[in-house]
Amino acid sequence: MARHIHELLGDLPRRLSVPQVAELLGVREPTVYRWLRDGEIPAYKVGSTWVILRDEVCDHLEVRHNRHGAQA
């Protein structure tokens, strides 16, 4: 699965913006900001700016994906 996520998102810039993450995940920007504040998406806050690294988002998605046969 890791290769698939990295291949799928590999064309994105190394640093993602909040609008890019919102589009990628199919949610609105306020949702992304809430997830950033709550630590649901890996990122770094520098002053008032969020630094979101593509590879960290890929790794995070890889760990959290639903696996066949996984129980809820």
Protein backbone atom coordinates (compact mmCIF):
# COMPACT_ATOMS: atom_id res chain seq x y z
CA MET A 1 0.00 0.00 0.00
CA ALA A 2 2.83 2.44 0.81
CA ARG A 3 4.09 2.40 -2.76
CA HIS A 4 0.59 3.11 -4.06
CA ILE A 5 0.09 6.17 -1.85
CA HIS A 6 3.52 7.55 -2.67
CA GLU A 7 2.99 6.90 -6.38
CA LEU A 8 -0.45 8.50 -6.29
CA LEU A 9 0.74 11.63 -4.49
CA GLY A 10 4.29 11.73 -5.83
CA ASP A 11 3.52 14.46 -8.36
CA LEU A 12 2.41 16.86 -5.64
CA PRO A 13 4.92 19.38 -4.29
CA ARG A 14 6.94 18.30 -1.25
CA ARG A 15 5.21 20.97 0.82
CA LEU A 16 1.41 21.04 0.66
CA SER A 17 -0.97 23.90 1.30
CA VAL A 18 -4.19 23.63 3.26
CA PRO A 19 -6.25 23.99 0.04
CA GLN A 20 -4.24 21.17 -1.57
CA VAL A 21 -4.81 18.88 1.41
CA ALA A 22 -8.52 19.74 1.43
CA GLU A 23 -8.83 18.88 -2.25
CA LEU A 24 -6.78 15.72 -1.84
CA LEU A 25 -8.92 14.43 1.02
CA GLY A 26 -12.23 15.72 -0.33
CA VAL A 27 -13.02 17.99 2.61
CA ARG A 28 -13.33 21.73 3.20
CA GLU A 29 -10.44 23.86 4.43
CA PRO A 30 -11.94 24.44 7.92
CA THR A 31 -11.92 20.66 8.38
CA VAL A 32 -8.23 20.51 7.47
CA TYR A 33 -7.45 23.30 9.93
CA ARG A 34 -9.34 21.42 12.67
CA TRP A 35 -7.44 18.21 11.86
CA LEU A 36 -4.16 20.14 11.95
CA ARG A 37 -4.97 21.65 15.36
CA ASP A 38 -6.08 18.25 16.69
CA GLY A 39 -2.99 16.47 15.34
CA GLU A 40 -4.97 14.29 12.94
CA ILE A 41 -2.72 15.38 10.08
CA PRO A 42 1.04 15.56 10.66
CA ALA A 43 2.29 19.13 10.28
CA TYR A 44 4.36 21.85 11.88
CA LYS A 45 3.10 25.27 12.91
CA VAL A 46 5.59 28.05 12.33
CA GLY A 47 4.10 31.30 13.53
CA SER A 48 0.67 31.36 11.93
CA THR A 49 1.68 29.13 9.01
CA TRP A 50 1.19 25.38 8.78
CA VAL A 51 3.97 23.40 7.12
CA ILE A 52 2.51 20.17 5.73
CA LEU A 53 4.97 17.74 4.17
CA ARG A 54 3.68 15.45 1.42
CA ASP A 55 5.75 12.44 2.49
CA GLU A 56 4.55 12.69 6.10
CA VAL A 57 0.94 12.85 4.92
CA CYS A 58 1.59 9.79 2.72
CA ASP A 59 3.09 7.88 5.64
CA HIS A 60 0.19 8.90 7.87
CA LEU A 61 -2.39 7.75 5.32
CA GLU A 62 -0.54 4.47 4.86
CA VAL A 63 -0.71 3.67 8.57
CA ARG A 64 -4.38 4.62 8.86
CA HIS A 65 -5.79 2.94 5.75
CA ASN A 66 -8.48 0.27 5.99
CA ARG A 67 -7.07 -3.16 5.41
CA HIS A 68 -9.07 -6.02 3.95
CA GLY A 69 -10.52 -8.03 6.80
CA ALA A 70 -9.77 -5.38 9.44
CA GLN A 71 -12.34 -5.14 12.18
CA ALA A 72 -13.87 -1.81 13.21
